[in-house]
Amino acid sequence: MLSFEPMSMALFAAALVLLLLAVAVWRHRRGGAAVLVSAEPDAALLSSAAALRRLGARITRYDAEVGTLEATLPDAGVVRVRAVAGGAETTRVHLEGGPGARRVLRRFRGALSA
């Protein structure tokens, strides 16, 4: 039977808490979001570009073949969009950006449906 000393258990618990905290911070800083769109990937990417333009973005890179675009917003920085086929006539649109882009990512869903 295994027995652990109280000090080693406390160190293990502290290490586990630090690991969970590091994972939570990493997930928070990723700044990504995904939206499921009822369209083909190329149409979803074009709609995403239009939605970002309505939010005040300038499209700096658009690659329909790969299904990606990059946009710059004056107050939020760079936002990257990737459209991937999700199933029968659905597309998952992935958005990523820095900490300043979080405000845009929250408003993107509304602008995409407009």
PDB file of N, CA and C in Angstrom:
ATOM      1  N   MET A   1       0.826  -1.170   0.000  1.00  0.00           N
ATOM      2  CA  MET A   1       0.000   0.000   0.000  1.00  0.00           C
ATOM      3  C   MET A   1       0.879   1.245   0.000  1.00  0.00           C
ATOM      4  N   LEU A   2       0.498   2.219  -0.804  1.00  0.00           N
ATOM      5  CA  LEU A   2       1.260   3.458  -0.884  1.00  0.00           C
ATOM      6  C   LEU A   2       0.853   4.410   0.228  1.00  0.00           C
ATOM      7  N   SER A   3       1.835   5.054   0.795  1.00  0.00           N
ATOM      8  CA  SER A   3       1.531   6.090   1.785  1.00  0.00           C
ATOM      9  C   SER A   3       2.349   7.318   1.436  1.00  0.00           C
ATOM     10  N   PHE A   4       1.735   8.470   1.566  1.00  0.00           N
ATOM     11  CA  PHE A   4       2.393   9.722   1.237  1.00  0.00           C
ATOM     12  C   PHE A   4       2.488  10.577   2.490  1.00  0.00           C
ATOM     13  N   GLU A   5       3.576  11.281   2.575  1.00  0.00           N
ATOM     14  CA  GLU A   5       3.734  12.202   3.695  1.00  0.00           C
ATOM     15  C   GLU A   5       2.884  13.438   3.436  1.00  0.00           C
ATOM     16  N   PRO A   6       2.434  14.098   4.479  1.00  0.00           N
ATOM     17  CA  PRO A   6       1.620  15.307   4.297  1.00  0.00           C
ATOM     18  C   PRO A   6       2.330  16.388   3.480  1.00  0.00           C
ATOM     19  N   MET A   7       3.645  16.516   3.638  1.00  0.00           N
ATOM     20  CA  MET A   7       4.390  17.536   2.902  1.00  0.00           C
ATOM     21  C   MET A   7       4.402  17.235   1.410  1.00  0.00           C
ATOM     22  N   SER A   8       4.579  15.976   1.025  1.00  0.00           N
ATOM     23  CA  SER A   8       4.595  15.637  -0.400  1.00  0.00           C
ATOM     24  C   SER A   8       3.205  15.794  -1.002  1.00  0.00           C
ATOM     25  N   MET A   9       2.157  15.502  -0.249  1.00  0.00           N
ATOM     26  CA  MET A   9       0.792  15.717  -0.733  1.00  0.00           C
ATOM     27  C   MET A   9       0.522  17.200  -0.936  1.00  0.00           C
ATOM     28  N   ALA A  10       1.007  18.034  -0.038  1.00  0.00           N
ATOM     29  CA  ALA A  10       0.811  19.479  -0.159  1.00  0.00           C
ATOM     30  C   ALA A  10       1.551  20.013  -1.385  1.00  0.00           C
ATOM     31  N   LEU A  11       2.746  19.526  -1.636  1.00  0.00           N
ATOM     32  CA  LEU A  11       3.503  19.949  -2.819  1.00  0.00           C
ATOM     33  C   LEU A  11       2.804  19.492  -4.092  1.00  0.00           C
ATOM     34  N   PHE A  12       2.293  18.279  -4.091  1.00  0.00           N
ATOM     35  CA  PHE A  12       1.570  17.776  -5.248  1.00  0.00           C
ATOM     36  C   PHE A  12       0.320  18.619  -5.513  1.00  0.00           C
ATOM     37  N   ALA A  13      -0.414  18.939  -4.471  1.00  0.00           N
ATOM     38  CA  ALA A  13      -1.631  19.754  -4.609  1.00  0.00           C
ATOM     39  C   ALA A  13      -1.289  21.141  -5.135  1.00  0.00           C
ATOM     40  N   ALA A  14      -0.217  21.735  -4.635  1.00  0.00           N
ATOM     41  CA  ALA A  14       0.198  23.071  -5.094  1.00  0.00           C
ATOM     42  C   ALA A  14       0.603  23.026  -6.565  1.00  0.00           C
ATOM     43  N   ALA A  15       1.322  21.982  -6.963  1.00  0.00           N
ATOM     44  CA  ALA A  15       1.737  21.853  -8.366  1.00  0.00           C
ATOM     45  C   ALA A  15       0.519  21.667  -9.266  1.00  0.00           C
ATOM     46  N   LEU A  16      -0.455  20.904  -8.808  1.00  0.00           N
ATOM     47  CA  LEU A  16      -1.669  20.692  -9.588  1.00  0.00           C
ATOM     48  C   LEU A  16      -2.459  21.989  -9.763  1.00  0.00           C
ATOM     49  N   VAL A  17      -2.553  22.776  -8.712  1.00  0.00           N
ATOM     50  CA  VAL A  17      -3.250  24.062  -8.787  1.00  0.00           C
ATOM     51  C   VAL A  17      -2.536  24.998  -9.761  1.00  0.00           C
ATOM     52  N   LEU A  18      -1.211  25.044  -9.698  1.00  0.00           N
ATOM     53  CA  LEU A  18      -0.449  25.891 -10.624  1.00  0.00           C
ATOM     54  C   LEU A  18      -0.630  25.443 -12.068  1.00  0.00           C
ATOM     55  N   LEU A  19      -0.667  24.146 -12.302  1.00  0.00           N
ATOM     56  CA  LEU A  19      -0.879  23.635 -13.654  1.00  0.00           C
ATOM     57  C   LEU A  19      -2.260  24.028 -14.173  1.00  0.00           C
ATOM     58  N   LEU A  20      -3.282  23.865 -13.361  1.00  0.00           N
ATOM     59  CA  LEU A  20      -4.632  24.243 -13.778  1.00  0.00           C
ATOM     60  C   LEU A  20      -4.740  25.741 -14.034  1.00  0.00           C
ATOM     61  N   LEU A  21      -4.080  26.534 -13.209  1.00  0.00           N
ATOM     62  CA  LEU A  21      -4.080  27.983 -13.414  1.00  0.00           C
ATOM     63  C   LEU A  21      -3.382  28.353 -14.722  1.00  0.00           C
ATOM     64  N   ALA A  22      -2.264  27.691 -15.024  1.00  0.00           N
ATOM     65  CA  ALA A  22      -1.548  27.960 -16.269  1.00  0.00           C
ATOM     66  C   ALA A  22      -2.404  27.604 -17.480  1.00  0.00           C
ATOM     67  N   VAL A  23      -3.120  26.502 -17.427  1.00  0.00           N
ATOM     68  CA  VAL A  23      -3.997  26.112 -18.530  1.00  0.00           C
ATOM     69  C   VAL A  23      -5.126  27.119 -18.700  1.00  0.00           C
ATOM     70  N   ALA A  24      -5.701  27.598 -17.593  1.00  0.00           N
ATOM     71  CA  ALA A  24      -6.779  28.581 -17.667  1.00  0.00           C
ATOM     72  C   ALA A  24      -6.292  29.892 -18.282  1.00  0.00           C
ATOM     73  N   VAL A  25      -5.104  30.337 -17.905  1.00  0.00           N
ATOM     74  CA  VAL A  25      -4.549  31.571 -18.473  1.00  0.00           C
ATOM     75  C   VAL A  25      -4.263  31.383 -19.951  1.00  0.00           C
ATOM     76  N   TRP A  26      -3.707  30.239 -20.334  1.00  0.00           N
ATOM     77  CA  TRP A  26      -3.410  29.976 -21.742  1.00  0.00           C
ATOM     78  C   TRP A  26      -4.690  29.982 -22.565  1.00  0.00           C
ATOM     79  N   ARG A  27      -5.752  29.340 -22.079  1.00  0.00           N
ATOM     80  CA  ARG A  27      -7.015  29.312 -22.819  1.00  0.00           C
ATOM     81  C   ARG A  27      -7.617  30.699 -22.929  1.00  0.00           C
ATOM     82  N   HIS A  28      -7.458  31.516 -21.888  1.00  0.00           N
ATOM     83  CA  HIS A  28      -8.000  32.874 -21.911  1.00  0.00           C
ATOM     84  C   HIS A  28      -7.251  33.753 -22.913  1.00  0.00           C
ATOM     85  N   ARG A  29      -5.955  33.565 -23.026  1.00  0.00           N
ATOM     86  CA  ARG A  29      -5.146  34.400 -23.920  1.00  0.00           C
ATOM     87  C   ARG A  29      -5.254  33.997 -25.378  1.00  0.00           C
ATOM     88  N   ARG A  30      -5.717  32.803 -25.652  1.00  0.00           N
ATOM     89  CA  ARG A  30      -5.839  32.381 -27.052  1.00  0.00           C
ATOM     90  C   ARG A  30      -6.737  33.324 -27.822  1.00  0.00           C
ATOM     91  N   GLY A  31      -7.803  33.757 -27.208  1.00  0.00           N
ATOM     92  CA  GLY A  31      -8.672  34.743 -27.832  1.00  0.00           C
ATOM     93  C   GLY A  31      -9.419  34.235 -29.047  1.00  0.00           C
ATOM     94  N   GLY A  32      -9.708  32.989 -29.105  1.00  0.00           N
ATOM     95  CA  GLY A  32     -10.384  32.444 -30.260  1.00  0.00           C
ATOM     96  C   GLY A  32     -11.856  32.189 -30.007  1.00  0.00           C
ATOM     97  N   ALA A  33     -12.595  32.092 -31.089  1.00  0.00           N
ATOM     98  CA  ALA A  33     -14.018  31.778 -31.020  1.00  0.00           C
ATOM     99  C   ALA A  33     -14.380  31.068 -32.317  1.00  0.00           C
ATOM    100  N   ALA A  34     -15.466  30.331 -32.285  1.00  0.00           N
ATOM    101  CA  ALA A  34     -15.942  29.638 -33.485  1.00  0.00           C
ATOM    102  C   ALA A  34     -17.433  29.889 -33.640  1.00  0.00           C
ATOM    103  N   VAL A  35     -17.856  30.052 -34.886  1.00  0.00           N
ATOM    104  CA  VAL A  35     -19.257  30.276 -35.217  1.00  0.00           C
ATOM    105  C   VAL A  35     -19.634  29.270 -36.286  1.00  0.00           C
ATOM    106  N   LEU A  36     -20.762  28.616 -36.113  1.00  0.00           N
ATOM    107  CA  LEU A  36     -21.253  27.669 -37.104  1.00  0.00           C
ATOM    108  C   LEU A  36     -22.181  28.410 -38.055  1.00  0.00           C
ATOM    109  N   VAL A  37     -21.866  28.347 -39.362  1.00  0.00           N
ATOM    110  CA  VAL A  37     -22.605  29.092 -40.381  1.00  0.00           C
ATOM    111  C   VAL A  37     -23.231  28.107 -41.352  1.00  0.00           C
ATOM    112  N   SER A  38     -24.464  28.368 -41.763  1.00  0.00           N
ATOM    113  CA  SER A  38     -25.162  27.507 -42.718  1.00  0.00           C
ATOM    114  C   SER A  38     -24.850  27.989 -44.132  1.00  0.00           C
ATOM    115  N   ALA A  39     -23.646  27.669 -44.601  1.00  0.00           N
ATOM    116  CA  ALA A  39     -23.192  28.068 -45.938  1.00  0.00           C
ATOM    117  C   ALA A  39     -21.953  27.261 -46.295  1.00  0.00           C
ATOM    118  N   GLU A  40     -21.594  27.300 -47.550  1.00  0.00           N
ATOM    119  CA  GLU A  40     -20.346  26.683 -47.998  1.00  0.00           C
ATOM    120  C   GLU A  40     -19.175  27.518 -47.474  1.00  0.00           C
ATOM    121  N   PRO A  41     -17.968  26.931 -47.351  1.00  0.00           N
ATOM    122  CA  PRO A  41     -16.832  27.671 -46.796  1.00  0.00           C
ATOM    123  C   PRO A  41     -16.505  28.974 -47.523  1.00  0.00           C
ATOM    124  N   ASP A  42     -16.555  28.983 -48.871  1.00  0.00           N
ATOM    125  CA  ASP A  42     -16.211  30.213 -49.591  1.00  0.00           C
ATOM    126  C   ASP A  42     -17.246  31.312 -49.339  1.00  0.00           C
ATOM    127  N   ALA A  43     -18.525  30.949 -49.275  1.00  0.00           N
ATOM    128  CA  ALA A  43     -19.566  31.937 -48.981  1.00  0.00           C
ATOM    129  C   ALA A  43     -19.480  32.413 -47.537  1.00  0.00           C
ATOM    130  N   ALA A  44     -19.148  31.498 -46.615  1.00  0.00           N
ATOM    131  CA  ALA A  44     -19.005  31.879 -45.210  1.00  0.00           C
ATOM    132  C   ALA A  44     -17.829  32.829 -45.024  1.00  0.00           C
ATOM    133  N   LEU A  45     -16.743  32.598 -45.764  1.00  0.00           N
ATOM    134  CA  LEU A  45     -15.586  33.481 -45.671  1.00  0.00           C
ATOM    135  C   LEU A  45     -15.913  34.864 -46.225  1.00  0.00           C
ATOM    136  N   LEU A  46     -16.624  34.910 -47.340  1.00  0.00           N
ATOM    137  CA  LEU A  46     -17.031  36.195 -47.918  1.00  0.00           C
ATOM    138  C   LEU A  46     -17.976  36.940 -46.976  1.00  0.00           C
ATOM    139  N   SER A  47     -18.911  36.224 -46.354  1.00  0.00           N
ATOM    140  CA  SER A  47     -19.811  36.854 -45.388  1.00  0.00           C
ATOM    141  C   SER A  47     -19.050  37.343 -44.162  1.00  0.00           C
ATOM    142  N   SER A  48     -18.030  36.602 -43.761  1.00  0.00           N
ATOM    143  CA  SER A  48     -17.208  37.020 -42.630  1.00  0.00           C
ATOM    144  C   SER A  48     -16.455  38.306 -42.940  1.00  0.00           C
ATOM    145  N   ALA A  49     -15.946  38.410 -44.165  1.00  0.00           N
ATOM    146  CA  ALA A  49     -15.257  39.641 -44.571  1.00  0.00           C
ATOM    147  C   ALA A  49     -16.212  40.825 -44.553  1.00  0.00           C
ATOM    148  N   ALA A  50     -17.432  40.622 -45.048  1.00  0.00           N
ATOM    149  CA  ALA A  50     -18.429  41.697 -45.046  1.00  0.00           C
ATOM    150  C   ALA A  50     -18.805  42.087 -43.618  1.00  0.00           C
ATOM    151  N   ALA A  51     -18.940  41.095 -42.739  1.00  0.00           N
ATOM    152  CA  ALA A  51     -19.282  41.384 -41.343  1.00  0.00           C
ATOM    153  C   ALA A  51     -18.177  42.178 -40.663  1.00  0.00           C
ATOM    154  N   LEU A  52     -16.933  41.798 -40.914  1.00  0.00           N
ATOM    155  CA  LEU A  52     -15.812  42.544 -40.325  1.00  0.00           C
ATOM    156  C   LEU A  52     -15.748  43.965 -40.870  1.00  0.00           C
ATOM    157  N   ARG A  53     -16.053  44.141 -42.149  1.00  0.00           N
ATOM    158  CA  ARG A  53     -16.083  45.498 -42.731  1.00  0.00           C
ATOM    159  C   ARG A  53     -17.151  46.347 -42.040  1.00  0.00           C
ATOM    160  N   ARG A  54     -18.307  45.758 -41.744  1.00  0.00           N
ATOM    161  CA  ARG A  54     -19.360  46.488 -41.032  1.00  0.00           C
ATOM    162  C   ARG A  54     -18.913  46.897 -39.633  1.00  0.00           C
ATOM    163  N   LEU A  55     -17.980  46.144 -39.068  1.00  0.00           N
ATOM    164  CA  LEU A  55     -17.445  46.480 -37.748  1.00  0.00           C
ATOM    165  C   LEU A  55     -16.286  47.466 -37.824  1.00  0.00           C
ATOM    166  N   GLY A  56     -15.940  47.896 -39.039  1.00  0.00           N
ATOM    167  CA  GLY A  56     -14.888  48.889 -39.211  1.00  0.00           C
ATOM    168  C   GLY A  56     -13.522  48.336 -39.547  1.00  0.00           C
ATOM    169  N   ALA A  57     -13.444  47.074 -39.918  1.00  0.00           N
ATOM    170  CA  ALA A  57     -12.156  46.448 -40.219  1.00  0.00           C
ATOM    171  C   ALA A  57     -11.715  46.727 -41.641  1.00  0.00           C
ATOM    172  N   ARG A  58     -10.412  46.680 -41.839  1.00  0.00           N
ATOM    173  CA  ARG A  58      -9.821  46.743 -43.170  1.00  0.00           C
ATOM    174  C   ARG A  58      -9.276  45.352 -43.474  1.00  0.00           C
ATOM    175  N   ILE A  59      -9.746  44.733 -44.539  1.00  0.00           N
ATOM    176  CA  ILE A  59      -9.302  43.387 -44.903  1.00  0.00           C
ATOM    177  C   ILE A  59      -7.904  43.504 -45.508  1.00  0.00           C
ATOM    178  N   THR A  60      -6.922  42.859 -44.878  1.00  0.00           N
ATOM    179  CA  THR A  60      -5.537  42.964 -45.342  1.00  0.00           C
ATOM    180  C   THR A  60      -5.091  41.743 -46.136  1.00  0.00           C
ATOM    181  N   ARG A  61      -5.757  40.606 -45.933  1.00  0.00           N
ATOM    182  CA  ARG A  61      -5.406  39.390 -46.685  1.00  0.00           C
ATOM    183  C   ARG A  61      -6.659  38.548 -46.819  1.00  0.00           C
ATOM    184  N   TYR A  62      -6.916  38.079 -48.029  1.00  0.00           N
ATOM    185  CA  TYR A  62      -8.086  37.242 -48.304  1.00  0.00           C
ATOM    186  C   TYR A  62      -7.650  36.124 -49.243  1.00  0.00           C
ATOM    187  N   ASP A  63      -7.731  34.880 -48.783  1.00  0.00           N
ATOM    188  CA  ASP A  63      -7.329  33.733 -49.595  1.00  0.00           C
ATOM    189  C   ASP A  63      -8.483  32.736 -49.620  1.00  0.00           C
ATOM    190  N   ALA A  64      -9.295  32.792 -50.669  1.00  0.00           N
ATOM    191  CA  ALA A  64     -10.481  31.932 -50.774  1.00  0.00           C
ATOM    192  C   ALA A  64     -10.103  30.468 -50.965  1.00  0.00           C
ATOM    193  N   GLU A  65      -8.972  30.197 -51.622  1.00  0.00           N
ATOM    194  CA  GLU A  65      -8.561  28.816 -51.852  1.00  0.00           C
ATOM    195  C   GLU A  65      -8.237  28.097 -50.551  1.00  0.00           C
ATOM    196  N   VAL A  66      -7.557  28.788 -49.650  1.00  0.00           N
ATOM    197  CA  VAL A  66      -7.189  28.202 -48.365  1.00  0.00           C
ATOM    198  C   VAL A  66      -8.319  28.373 -47.347  1.00  0.00           C
ATOM    199  N   GLY A  67      -9.155  29.376 -47.550  1.00  0.00           N
ATOM    200  CA  GLY A  67     -10.262  29.641 -46.650  1.00  0.00           C
ATOM    201  C   GLY A  67      -9.878  30.485 -45.451  1.00  0.00           C
ATOM    202  N   THR A  68      -8.972  31.456 -45.671  1.00  0.00           N
ATOM    203  CA  THR A  68      -8.537  32.313 -44.573  1.00  0.00           C
ATOM    204  C   THR A  68      -8.586  33.783 -44.985  1.00  0.00           C
ATOM    205  N   LEU A  69      -8.710  34.626 -43.980  1.00  0.00           N
ATOM    206  CA  LEU A  69      -8.572  36.062 -44.200  1.00  0.00           C
ATOM    207  C   LEU A  69      -7.981  36.680 -42.958  1.00  0.00           C
ATOM    208  N   GLU A  70      -7.457  37.870 -43.134  1.00  0.00           N
ATOM    209  CA  GLU A  70      -6.885  38.623 -42.026  1.00  0.00           C
ATOM    210  C   GLU A  70      -7.378  40.051 -42.146  1.00  0.00           C
ATOM    211  N   ALA A  71      -7.783  40.626 -41.034  1.00  0.00           N
ATOM    212  CA  ALA A  71      -8.318  41.984 -41.032  1.00  0.00           C
ATOM    213  C   ALA A  71      -7.673  42.779 -39.905  1.00  0.00           C
ATOM    214  N   THR A  72      -7.594  44.085 -40.104  1.00  0.00           N
ATOM    215  CA  THR A  72      -7.049  44.982 -39.092  1.00  0.00           C
ATOM    216  C   THR A  72      -8.127  45.954 -38.655  1.00  0.00           C
ATOM    217  N   LEU A  73      -8.275  46.079 -37.356  1.00  0.00           N
ATOM    218  CA  LEU A  73      -9.222  47.027 -36.782  1.00  0.00           C
ATOM    219  C   LEU A  73      -8.441  48.103 -36.052  1.00  0.00           C
ATOM    220  N   PRO A  74      -8.862  49.362 -36.185  1.00  0.00           N
ATOM    221  CA  PRO A  74      -8.100  50.455 -35.566  1.00  0.00           C
ATOM    222  C   PRO A  74      -7.935  50.314 -34.056  1.00  0.00           C
ATOM    223  N   ASP A  75      -8.975  49.871 -33.367  1.00  0.00           N
ATOM    224  CA  ASP A  75      -8.890  49.803 -31.909  1.00  0.00           C
ATOM    225  C   ASP A  75      -8.620  48.409 -31.359  1.00  0.00           C
ATOM    226  N   ALA A  76      -8.590  47.379 -32.226  1.00  0.00           N
ATOM    227  CA  ALA A  76      -8.461  46.010 -31.733  1.00  0.00           C
ATOM    228  C   ALA A  76      -7.272  45.245 -32.293  1.00  0.00           C
ATOM    229  N   GLY A  77      -6.644  45.734 -33.325  1.00  0.00           N
ATOM    230  CA  GLY A  77      -5.504  45.027 -33.896  1.00  0.00           C
ATOM    231  C   GLY A  77      -5.907  44.054 -34.991  1.00  0.00           C
ATOM    232  N   VAL A  78      -5.198  42.944 -35.067  1.00  0.00           N
ATOM    233  CA  VAL A  78      -5.371  41.978 -36.148  1.00  0.00           C
ATOM    234  C   VAL A  78      -6.331  40.871 -35.722  1.00  0.00           C
ATOM    235  N   VAL A  79      -7.234  40.525 -36.624  1.00  0.00           N
ATOM    236  CA  VAL A  79      -8.163  39.407 -36.440  1.00  0.00           C
ATOM    237  C   VAL A  79      -7.960  38.460 -37.610  1.00  0.00           C
ATOM    238  N   ARG A  80      -7.788  37.157 -37.299  1.00  0.00           N
ATOM    239  CA  ARG A  80      -7.622  36.140 -38.324  1.00  0.00           C
ATOM    240  C   ARG A  80      -8.861  35.256 -38.360  1.00  0.00           C
ATOM    241  N   VAL A  81      -9.323  34.939 -39.574  1.00  0.00           N
ATOM    242  CA  VAL A  81     -10.526  34.136 -39.770  1.00  0.00           C
ATOM    243  C   VAL A  81     -10.167  32.941 -40.636  1.00  0.00           C
ATOM    244  N   ARG A  82     -10.682  31.767 -40.234  1.00  0.00           N
ATOM    245  CA  ARG A  82     -10.454  30.537 -40.993  1.00  0.00           C
ATOM    246  C   ARG A  82     -11.797  29.830 -41.127  1.00  0.00           C
ATOM    247  N   ALA A  83     -12.196  29.501 -42.352  1.00  0.00           N
ATOM    248  CA  ALA A  83     -13.467  28.823 -42.606  1.00  0.00           C
ATOM    249  C   ALA A  83     -13.187  27.372 -42.990  1.00  0.00           C
ATOM    250  N   VAL A  84     -13.794  26.452 -42.245  1.00  0.00           N
ATOM    251  CA  VAL A  84     -13.586  25.018 -42.459  1.00  0.00           C
ATOM    252  C   VAL A  84     -14.945  24.344 -42.602  1.00  0.00           C
ATOM    253  N   ALA A  85     -15.069  23.489 -43.624  1.00  0.00           N
ATOM    254  CA  ALA A  85     -16.333  22.773 -43.818  1.00  0.00           C
ATOM    255  C   ALA A  85     -16.640  21.947 -42.580  1.00  0.00           C
ATOM    256  N   GLY A  86     -17.877  22.079 -42.096  1.00  0.00           N
ATOM    257  CA  GLY A  86     -18.255  21.407 -40.870  1.00  0.00           C
ATOM    258  C   GLY A  86     -19.218  20.252 -41.080  1.00  0.00           C
ATOM    259  N   GLY A  87     -19.732  20.076 -42.255  1.00  0.00           N
ATOM    260  CA  GLY A  87     -20.700  19.022 -42.521  1.00  0.00           C
ATOM    261  C   GLY A  87     -21.488  19.363 -43.764  1.00  0.00           C
ATOM    262  N   ALA A  88     -22.703  18.838 -43.839  1.00  0.00           N
ATOM    263  CA  ALA A  88     -23.553  19.093 -44.997  1.00  0.00           C
ATOM    264  C   ALA A  88     -24.003  20.544 -45.008  1.00  0.00           C
ATOM    265  N   GLU A  89     -23.421  21.322 -45.897  1.00  0.00           N
ATOM    266  CA  GLU A  89     -23.742  22.741 -46.089  1.00  0.00           C
ATOM    267  C   GLU A  89     -23.605  23.584 -44.825  1.00  0.00           C
ATOM    268  N   THR A  90     -22.704  23.197 -43.933  1.00  0.00           N
ATOM    269  CA  THR A  90     -22.374  24.035 -42.779  1.00  0.00           C
ATOM    270  C   THR A  90     -20.876  24.271 -42.748  1.00  0.00           C
ATOM    271  N   THR A  91     -20.494  25.394 -42.213  1.00  0.00           N
ATOM    272  CA  THR A  91     -19.094  25.775 -42.118  1.00  0.00           C
ATOM    273  C   THR A  91     -18.816  26.301 -40.729  1.00  0.00           C
ATOM    274  N   ARG A  92     -17.698  25.889 -40.177  1.00  0.00           N
ATOM    275  CA  ARG A  92     -17.255  26.420 -38.889  1.00  0.00           C
ATOM    276  C   ARG A  92     -16.258  27.541 -39.180  1.00  0.00           C
ATOM    277  N   VAL A  93     -16.594  28.754 -38.741  1.00  0.00           N
ATOM    278  CA  VAL A  93     -15.741  29.920 -38.934  1.00  0.00           C
ATOM    279  C   VAL A  93     -14.992  30.171 -37.633  1.00  0.00           C
ATOM    280  N   HIS A  94     -13.671  30.026 -37.681  1.00  0.00           N
ATOM    281  CA  HIS A  94     -12.818  30.226 -36.512  1.00  0.00           C
ATOM    282  C   HIS A  94     -12.246  31.638 -36.551  1.00  0.00           C
ATOM    283  N   LEU A  95     -12.330  32.337 -35.436  1.00  0.00           N
ATOM    284  CA  LEU A  95     -11.772  33.685 -35.320  1.00  0.00           C
ATOM    285  C   LEU A  95     -10.708  33.687 -34.245  1.00  0.00           C
ATOM    286  N   GLU A  96      -9.604  34.355 -34.522  1.00  0.00           N
ATOM    287  CA  GLU A  96      -8.531  34.480 -33.544  1.00  0.00           C
ATOM    288  C   GLU A  96      -8.026  35.903 -33.567  1.00  0.00           C
ATOM    289  N   GLY A  97      -7.539  36.352 -32.434  1.00  0.00           N
ATOM    290  CA  GLY A  97      -6.975  37.683 -32.357  1.00  0.00           C
ATOM    291  C   GLY A  97      -6.339  37.899 -31.006  1.00  0.00           C
ATOM    292  N   GLY A  98      -5.675  39.001 -30.870  1.00  0.00           N
ATOM    293  CA  GLY A  98      -5.033  39.341 -29.618  1.00  0.00           C
ATOM    294  C   GLY A  98      -6.041  39.779 -28.572  1.00  0.00           C
ATOM    295  N   PRO A  99      -5.553  40.200 -27.421  1.00  0.00           N
ATOM    296  CA  PRO A  99      -6.445  40.626 -26.345  1.00  0.00           C
ATOM    297  C   PRO A  99      -7.361  41.783 -26.745  1.00  0.00           C
ATOM    298  N   GLY A 100      -6.891  42.675 -27.571  1.00  0.00           N
ATOM    299  CA  GLY A 100      -7.713  43.801 -28.004  1.00  0.00           C
ATOM    300  C   GLY A 100      -8.827  43.410 -28.956  1.00  0.00           C
ATOM    301  N   ALA A 101      -8.718  42.244 -29.559  1.00  0.00           N
ATOM    302  CA  ALA A 101      -9.710  41.808 -30.538  1.00  0.00           C
ATOM    303  C   ALA A 101     -10.914  41.126 -29.896  1.00  0.00           C
ATOM    304  N   ARG A 102     -10.889  40.890 -28.596  1.00  0.00           N
ATOM    305  CA  ARG A 102     -11.997  40.211 -27.925  1.00  0.00           C
ATOM    306  C   ARG A 102     -13.322  40.942 -28.108  1.00  0.00           C
ATOM    307  N   ARG A 103     -13.292  42.269 -28.084  1.00  0.00           N
ATOM    308  CA  ARG A 103     -14.535  43.040 -28.268  1.00  0.00           C
ATOM    309  C   ARG A 103     -15.132  42.760 -29.648  1.00  0.00           C
ATOM    310  N   VAL A 104     -14.288  42.660 -30.643  1.00  0.00           N
ATOM    311  CA  VAL A 104     -14.756  42.401 -32.010  1.00  0.00           C
ATOM    312  C   VAL A 104     -15.295  40.984 -32.123  1.00  0.00           C
ATOM    313  N   LEU A 105     -14.638  40.036 -31.498  1.00  0.00           N
ATOM    314  CA  LEU A 105     -15.083  38.659 -31.579  1.00  0.00           C
ATOM    315  C   LEU A 105     -16.478  38.506 -30.975  1.00  0.00           C
ATOM    316  N   ARG A 106     -16.774  39.254 -29.945  1.00  0.00           N
ATOM    317  CA  ARG A 106     -18.106  39.194 -29.335  1.00  0.00           C
ATOM    318  C   ARG A 106     -19.178  39.778 -30.253  1.00  0.00           C
ATOM    319  N   ARG A 107     -18.842  40.846 -30.978  1.00  0.00           N
ATOM    320  CA  ARG A 107     -19.817  41.494 -31.859  1.00  0.00           C
ATOM    321  C   ARG A 107     -19.913  40.831 -33.223  1.00  0.00           C
ATOM    322  N   PHE A 108     -18.965  39.948 -33.544  1.00  0.00           N
ATOM    323  CA  PHE A 108     -18.897  39.344 -34.876  1.00  0.00           C
ATOM    324  C   PHE A 108     -20.159  38.538 -35.193  1.00  0.00           C
ATOM    325  N   ARG A 109     -20.659  37.774 -34.244  1.00  0.00           N
ATOM    326  CA  ARG A 109     -21.838  36.937 -34.498  1.00  0.00           C
ATOM    327  C   ARG A 109     -23.024  37.783 -34.957  1.00  0.00           C
ATOM    328  N   GLY A 110     -23.247  38.894 -34.281  1.00  0.00           N
ATOM    329  CA  GLY A 110     -24.357  39.771 -34.670  1.00  0.00           C
ATOM    330  C   GLY A 110     -24.178  40.378 -36.041  1.00  0.00           C
ATOM    331  N   ALA A 111     -22.943  40.790 -36.338  1.00  0.00           N
ATOM    332  CA  ALA A 111     -22.665  41.386 -37.650  1.00  0.00           C
ATOM    333  C   ALA A 111     -22.746  40.344 -38.755  1.00  0.00           C
ATOM    334  N   LEU A 112     -22.423  39.109 -38.449  1.00  0.00           N
ATOM    335  CA  LEU A 112     -22.468  38.056 -39.459  1.00  0.00           C
ATOM    336  C   LEU A 112     -23.905  37.721 -39.843  1.00  0.00           C
ATOM    337  N   SER A 113     -24.812  37.806 -38.890  1.00  0.00           N
ATOM    338  CA  SER A 113     -26.204  37.476 -39.189  1.00  0.00           C
ATOM    339  C   SER A 113     -26.961  38.656 -39.782  1.00  0.00           C
ATOM    340  N   ALA A 114     -26.376  39.858 -39.770  1.00  0.00           N
ATOM    341  CA  ALA A 114     -27.065  41.052 -40.305  1.00  0.00           C
ATOM    342  C   ALA A 114     -27.052  41.076 -41.808  1.00  0.00           C
TER     343      ALA A 114
END
